Amino acid sequence: GFDLYTQLLSEAVEAVKGSGKTQEVEPEIKVPVPAVFPENYIEQPMHRLDLYQRLSAAETDDAILQVFSEIHGLYGHPPDEVGHLSEVMLMRLRLKRAGASALSVAFGEEEVRLGVTLLPESPVDRAALVQLVQRDPRHFGVTASGRLTLRAPAPRSAAPRELLRIARQTLAKLPA
């Protein structure tokens, strides 16, 4: 209670001074497959919660992959949902670095489609992004509302985790 109050008060004072650091936004991520720790894989709710918290606090790909390596060692071969979660957490890092507030992923016949909403203060190089859209309009676009659209080819028989990996790699193409 008191810690939160003092943190909020400090942020408000810094915002008034104009010296506040930018508020980190947790991106909203929507994927068409379950990306969770199933109860029948990790039965203890507190352990699942601890793992989610560790993943949320991870700041590098290596830190995320280390958590998933530990999970594999403790619980054995994970179900698909856990593999999906690993890809989602890796995408989350890229979104946070890009200053994105939202991502939606859809799987098509032979493609993966992404919609990304960038915050106004996003560090993504806007001029480079415009050039990317102009150079490759089949794979990159911008909607009337300003949402960035990305398309990536995908094998017809690809498993969902592979499609999520393709989505993650596509996000990496955003200009820094």
C-alpha atoms as a PDB file:
ATOM      1  CA  GLY A   1       0.000   0.000   0.000  1.00  0.00           C
ATOM      2  CA  PHE A   2       2.446   2.658   1.190  1.00  0.00           C
ATOM      3  CA  ASP A   3       5.171   1.646  -1.309  1.00  0.00           C
ATOM      4  CA  LEU A   4       2.728   1.947  -4.193  1.00  0.00           C
ATOM      5  CA  TYR A   5       1.542   5.324  -2.889  1.00  0.00           C
ATOM      6  CA  THR A   6       5.097   6.692  -2.682  1.00  0.00           C
ATOM      7  CA  GLN A   7       5.951   5.334  -6.134  1.00  0.00           C
ATOM      8  CA  LEU A   8       2.851   6.958  -7.666  1.00  0.00           C
ATOM      9  CA  LEU A   9       3.564  10.216  -5.831  1.00  0.00           C
ATOM     10  CA  SER A  10       7.158  10.214  -7.060  1.00  0.00           C
ATOM     11  CA  GLU A  11       6.042   9.580 -10.651  1.00  0.00           C
ATOM     12  CA  ALA A  12       3.484  12.376 -10.425  1.00  0.00           C
ATOM     13  CA  VAL A  13       6.090  14.841  -9.117  1.00  0.00           C
ATOM     14  CA  GLU A  14       8.536  13.873 -11.882  1.00  0.00           C
ATOM     15  CA  ALA A  15       5.796  14.205 -14.514  1.00  0.00           C
ATOM     16  CA  VAL A  16       5.037  17.739 -13.282  1.00  0.00           C
ATOM     17  CA  LYS A  17       8.746  18.579 -13.398  1.00  0.00           C
ATOM     18  CA  GLY A  18       8.956  17.131 -16.892  1.00  0.00           C
ATOM     19  CA  SER A  19      11.840  14.883 -15.935  1.00  0.00           C
ATOM     20  CA  GLY A  20       9.892  11.669 -15.574  1.00  0.00           C
ATOM     21  CA  LYS A  21      11.032   8.557 -17.289  1.00  0.00           C
ATOM     22  CA  THR A  22       8.662   7.090 -19.842  1.00  0.00           C
ATOM     23  CA  GLN A  23       6.118   4.747 -18.367  1.00  0.00           C
ATOM     24  CA  GLU A  24       6.713   1.180 -19.488  1.00  0.00           C
ATOM     25  CA  VAL A  25       3.622  -0.293 -21.089  1.00  0.00           C
ATOM     26  CA  GLU A  26       2.779  -3.970 -20.898  1.00  0.00           C
ATOM     27  CA  PRO A  27       1.784  -4.938 -24.441  1.00  0.00           C
ATOM     28  CA  GLU A  28      -1.515  -6.733 -24.966  1.00  0.00           C
ATOM     29  CA  ILE A  29      -0.798  -9.895 -26.968  1.00  0.00           C
ATOM     30  CA  LYS A  30      -3.440 -11.957 -28.752  1.00  0.00           C
ATOM     31  CA  VAL A  31      -2.482 -15.251 -30.383  1.00  0.00           C
ATOM     32  CA  PRO A  32      -4.820 -17.898 -31.846  1.00  0.00           C
ATOM     33  CA  VAL A  33      -3.476 -20.739 -29.686  1.00  0.00           C
ATOM     34  CA  PRO A  34      -3.288 -21.351 -25.932  1.00  0.00           C
ATOM     35  CA  ALA A  35      -0.039 -20.089 -24.394  1.00  0.00           C
ATOM     36  CA  VAL A  36      -0.089 -21.126 -20.729  1.00  0.00           C
ATOM     37  CA  PHE A  37       1.266 -23.510 -18.116  1.00  0.00           C
ATOM     38  CA  PRO A  38      -1.492 -26.128 -18.007  1.00  0.00           C
ATOM     39  CA  GLU A  39      -2.626 -27.249 -14.551  1.00  0.00           C
ATOM     40  CA  ASN A  40      -1.984 -30.869 -15.458  1.00  0.00           C
ATOM     41  CA  TYR A  41       1.657 -30.040 -16.313  1.00  0.00           C
ATOM     42  CA  ILE A  42       2.493 -27.782 -13.333  1.00  0.00           C
ATOM     43  CA  GLU A  43      -0.041 -28.690 -10.665  1.00  0.00           C
ATOM     44  CA  GLN A  44       0.937 -26.228  -7.905  1.00  0.00           C
ATOM     45  CA  PRO A  45      -0.759 -22.840  -8.533  1.00  0.00           C
ATOM     46  CA  MET A  46       1.913 -20.958  -6.563  1.00  0.00           C
ATOM     47  CA  HIS A  47       4.679 -22.486  -8.667  1.00  0.00           C
ATOM     48  CA  ARG A  48       2.856 -21.537 -11.882  1.00  0.00           C
ATOM     49  CA  LEU A  49       2.445 -18.004 -10.547  1.00  0.00           C
ATOM     50  CA  ASP A  50       6.138 -17.838  -9.606  1.00  0.00           C
ATOM     51  CA  LEU A  51       7.129 -18.955 -13.111  1.00  0.00           C
ATOM     52  CA  TYR A  52       4.845 -16.377 -14.746  1.00  0.00           C
ATOM     53  CA  GLN A  53       6.374 -13.682 -12.521  1.00  0.00           C
ATOM     54  CA  ARG A  54       9.919 -14.769 -13.385  1.00  0.00           C
ATOM     55  CA  LEU A  55       9.071 -14.695 -17.085  1.00  0.00           C
ATOM     56  CA  SER A  56       7.503 -11.240 -16.754  1.00  0.00           C
ATOM     57  CA  ALA A  57      10.614  -9.945 -15.012  1.00  0.00           C
ATOM     58  CA  ALA A  58      13.014 -11.434 -17.589  1.00  0.00           C
ATOM     59  CA  GLU A  59      14.749  -8.766 -19.658  1.00  0.00           C
ATOM     60  CA  THR A  60      16.623 -10.923 -22.161  1.00  0.00           C
ATOM     61  CA  ASP A  61      15.949 -13.866 -24.435  1.00  0.00           C
ATOM     62  CA  ASP A  62      18.529 -15.874 -22.492  1.00  0.00           C
ATOM     63  CA  ALA A  63      16.723 -15.231 -19.198  1.00  0.00           C
ATOM     64  CA  ILE A  64      13.427 -16.406 -20.705  1.00  0.00           C
ATOM     65  CA  LEU A  65      15.012 -19.486 -22.266  1.00  0.00           C
ATOM     66  CA  GLN A  66      16.708 -20.309 -18.941  1.00  0.00           C
ATOM     67  CA  VAL A  67      13.322 -20.397 -17.178  1.00  0.00           C
ATOM     68  CA  PHE A  68      11.919 -22.723 -19.841  1.00  0.00           C
ATOM     69  CA  SER A  69      15.011 -24.928 -19.583  1.00  0.00           C
ATOM     70  CA  GLU A  70      14.451 -25.216 -15.816  1.00  0.00           C
ATOM     71  CA  ILE A  71      10.794 -26.074 -16.410  1.00  0.00           C
ATOM     72  CA  HIS A  72      11.775 -28.842 -18.822  1.00  0.00           C
ATOM     73  CA  GLY A  73      14.248 -30.203 -16.272  1.00  0.00           C
ATOM     74  CA  LEU A  74      11.705 -30.168 -13.447  1.00  0.00           C
ATOM     75  CA  TYR A  75       8.563 -31.324 -15.244  1.00  0.00           C
ATOM     76  CA  GLY A  76       9.757 -33.174 -18.327  1.00  0.00           C
ATOM     77  CA  HIS A  77       8.805 -32.588 -21.933  1.00  0.00           C
ATOM     78  CA  PRO A  78       6.311 -29.702 -22.012  1.00  0.00           C
ATOM     79  CA  PRO A  79       2.970 -29.729 -23.804  1.00  0.00           C
ATOM     80  CA  ASP A  80       2.395 -27.485 -26.829  1.00  0.00           C
ATOM     81  CA  GLU A  81       0.868 -24.685 -24.723  1.00  0.00           C
ATOM     82  CA  VAL A  82       4.192 -24.208 -22.922  1.00  0.00           C
ATOM     83  CA  GLY A  83       6.087 -24.019 -26.215  1.00  0.00           C
ATOM     84  CA  HIS A  84       3.584 -21.415 -27.386  1.00  0.00           C
ATOM     85  CA  LEU A  85       4.125 -19.479 -24.164  1.00  0.00           C
ATOM     86  CA  SER A  86       7.883 -19.409 -24.719  1.00  0.00           C
ATOM     87  CA  GLU A  87       7.391 -17.813 -28.145  1.00  0.00           C
ATOM     88  CA  VAL A  88       4.864 -15.319 -26.760  1.00  0.00           C
ATOM     89  CA  MET A  89       7.241 -14.267 -23.988  1.00  0.00           C
ATOM     90  CA  LEU A  90      10.058 -13.759 -26.513  1.00  0.00           C
ATOM     91  CA  MET A  91       7.698 -11.660 -28.675  1.00  0.00           C
ATOM     92  CA  ARG A  92       6.715  -9.662 -25.600  1.00  0.00           C
ATOM     93  CA  LEU A  93      10.335  -8.559 -25.144  1.00  0.00           C
ATOM     94  CA  ARG A  94      10.519  -7.361 -28.745  1.00  0.00           C
ATOM     95  CA  LEU A  95       7.236  -5.484 -28.366  1.00  0.00           C
ATOM     96  CA  LYS A  96       8.398  -3.742 -25.213  1.00  0.00           C
ATOM     97  CA  ARG A  97      11.670  -2.708 -26.871  1.00  0.00           C
ATOM     98  CA  ALA A  98       9.739  -1.412 -29.898  1.00  0.00           C
ATOM     99  CA  GLY A  99       7.358   0.594 -27.723  1.00  0.00           C
ATOM    100  CA  ALA A 100       4.293  -1.375 -28.826  1.00  0.00           C
ATOM    101  CA  SER A 101       1.069  -1.461 -26.850  1.00  0.00           C
ATOM    102  CA  ALA A 102      -0.615  -4.333 -28.685  1.00  0.00           C
ATOM    103  CA  LEU A 103      -0.017  -7.296 -30.978  1.00  0.00           C
ATOM    104  CA  SER A 104      -2.477  -9.600 -32.665  1.00  0.00           C
ATOM    105  CA  VAL A 105      -1.341 -12.678 -34.560  1.00  0.00           C
ATOM    106  CA  ALA A 106      -3.412 -14.674 -37.055  1.00  0.00           C
ATOM    107  CA  PHE A 107      -2.495 -17.772 -39.017  1.00  0.00           C
ATOM    108  CA  GLY A 108      -3.547 -17.860 -42.676  1.00  0.00           C
ATOM    109  CA  GLU A 109      -3.297 -20.499 -45.396  1.00  0.00           C
ATOM    110  CA  GLU A 110       0.379 -19.949 -46.103  1.00  0.00           C
ATOM    111  CA  GLU A 111       1.163 -16.887 -44.031  1.00  0.00           C
ATOM    112  CA  VAL A 112       1.302 -15.377 -40.590  1.00  0.00           C
ATOM    113  CA  ARG A 113      -0.377 -11.976 -40.173  1.00  0.00           C
ATOM    114  CA  LEU A 114       0.514  -9.549 -37.430  1.00  0.00           C
ATOM    115  CA  GLY A 115      -1.054  -6.291 -36.321  1.00  0.00           C
ATOM    116  CA  VAL A 116       1.098  -4.038 -34.139  1.00  0.00           C
ATOM    117  CA  THR A 117       0.058  -0.858 -32.372  1.00  0.00           C
ATOM    118  CA  LEU A 118       3.015   1.400 -31.624  1.00  0.00           C
ATOM    119  CA  LEU A 119       2.948   4.018 -28.907  1.00  0.00           C
ATOM    120  CA  PRO A 120       3.582   7.631 -30.000  1.00  0.00           C
ATOM    121  CA  GLU A 121       6.903   7.620 -28.114  1.00  0.00           C
ATOM    122  CA  SER A 122       8.005   4.320 -29.688  1.00  0.00           C
ATOM    123  CA  PRO A 123      11.728   4.211 -30.533  1.00  0.00           C
ATOM    124  CA  VAL A 124      10.959   2.566 -33.895  1.00  0.00           C
ATOM    125  CA  ASP A 125      12.526   4.678 -36.649  1.00  0.00           C
ATOM    126  CA  ARG A 126       9.453   6.084 -38.418  1.00  0.00           C
ATOM    127  CA  ALA A 127      11.345   7.133 -41.558  1.00  0.00           C
ATOM    128  CA  ALA A 128      12.851   3.651 -41.925  1.00  0.00           C
ATOM    129  CA  LEU A 129       9.410   2.155 -41.314  1.00  0.00           C
ATOM    130  CA  VAL A 130       7.903   4.264 -44.120  1.00  0.00           C
ATOM    131  CA  GLN A 131      10.678   3.098 -46.449  1.00  0.00           C
ATOM    132  CA  LEU A 132      10.032  -0.505 -45.460  1.00  0.00           C
ATOM    133  CA  VAL A 133       6.306  -0.161 -46.205  1.00  0.00           C
ATOM    134  CA  GLN A 134       7.010   1.509 -49.554  1.00  0.00           C
ATOM    135  CA  ARG A 135       9.675  -1.013 -50.528  1.00  0.00           C
ATOM    136  CA  ASP A 136       7.668  -4.121 -49.564  1.00  0.00           C
ATOM    137  CA  PRO A 137       3.915  -3.334 -49.452  1.00  0.00           C
ATOM    138  CA  ARG A 138       3.020  -7.019 -49.776  1.00  0.00           C
ATOM    139  CA  HIS A 139       4.553  -7.761 -46.370  1.00  0.00           C
ATOM    140  CA  PHE A 140       4.299  -4.430 -44.539  1.00  0.00           C
ATOM    141  CA  GLY A 141       1.500  -1.889 -44.313  1.00  0.00           C
ATOM    142  CA  VAL A 142      -0.271   0.665 -42.177  1.00  0.00           C
ATOM    143  CA  THR A 143      -4.017   0.755 -41.611  1.00  0.00           C
ATOM    144  CA  ALA A 144      -6.081   3.958 -41.623  1.00  0.00           C
ATOM    145  CA  SER A 145      -6.016   3.878 -37.806  1.00  0.00           C
ATOM    146  CA  GLY A 146      -2.196   3.767 -37.815  1.00  0.00           C
ATOM    147  CA  ARG A 147      -1.855   0.100 -36.900  1.00  0.00           C
ATOM    148  CA  LEU A 148       1.157  -1.561 -38.479  1.00  0.00           C
ATOM    149  CA  THR A 149       0.437  -4.760 -40.435  1.00  0.00           C
ATOM    150  CA  LEU A 150       3.039  -7.397 -41.192  1.00  0.00           C
ATOM    151  CA  ARG A 151       2.740 -10.556 -43.256  1.00  0.00           C
ATOM    152  CA  ALA A 152       5.219 -13.406 -43.434  1.00  0.00           C
ATOM    153  CA  PRO A 153       5.129 -16.517 -45.599  1.00  0.00           C
ATOM    154  CA  ALA A 154       4.713 -19.797 -43.739  1.00  0.00           C
ATOM    155  CA  PRO A 155       4.712 -23.453 -44.726  1.00  0.00           C
ATOM    156  CA  ARG A 156       1.196 -24.828 -45.143  1.00  0.00           C
ATOM    157  CA  SER A 157       1.832 -27.704 -42.715  1.00  0.00           C
ATOM    158  CA  ALA A 158       3.632 -25.667 -40.024  1.00  0.00           C
ATOM    159  CA  ALA A 159       2.721 -26.362 -36.407  1.00  0.00           C
ATOM    160  CA  PRO A 160       1.443 -23.438 -34.317  1.00  0.00           C
ATOM    161  CA  ARG A 161       4.748 -23.057 -32.445  1.00  0.00           C
ATOM    162  CA  GLU A 162       6.580 -22.731 -35.770  1.00  0.00           C
ATOM    163  CA  LEU A 163       4.050 -20.109 -36.868  1.00  0.00           C
ATOM    164  CA  LEU A 164       4.624 -18.190 -33.629  1.00  0.00           C
ATOM    165  CA  ARG A 165       8.390 -18.396 -34.226  1.00  0.00           C
ATOM    166  CA  ILE A 166       7.838 -16.905 -37.694  1.00  0.00           C
ATOM    167  CA  ALA A 167       5.783 -14.122 -36.068  1.00  0.00           C
ATOM    168  CA  ARG A 168       8.621 -13.444 -33.607  1.00  0.00           C
ATOM    169  CA  GLN A 169      11.181 -13.309 -36.405  1.00  0.00           C
ATOM    170  CA  THR A 170       8.933 -10.959 -38.379  1.00  0.00           C
ATOM    171  CA  LEU A 171       8.747  -8.570 -35.406  1.00  0.00           C
ATOM    172  CA  ALA A 172      12.545  -8.452 -35.428  1.00  0.00           C
ATOM    173  CA  LYS A 173      12.360  -6.755 -38.847  1.00  0.00           C
ATOM    174  CA  LEU A 174      10.931  -3.571 -37.340  1.00  0.00           C
ATOM    175  CA  PRO A 175      13.524  -0.785 -37.748  1.00  0.00           C
ATOM    176  CA  ALA A 176      15.131   0.278 -34.486  1.00  0.00           C
END
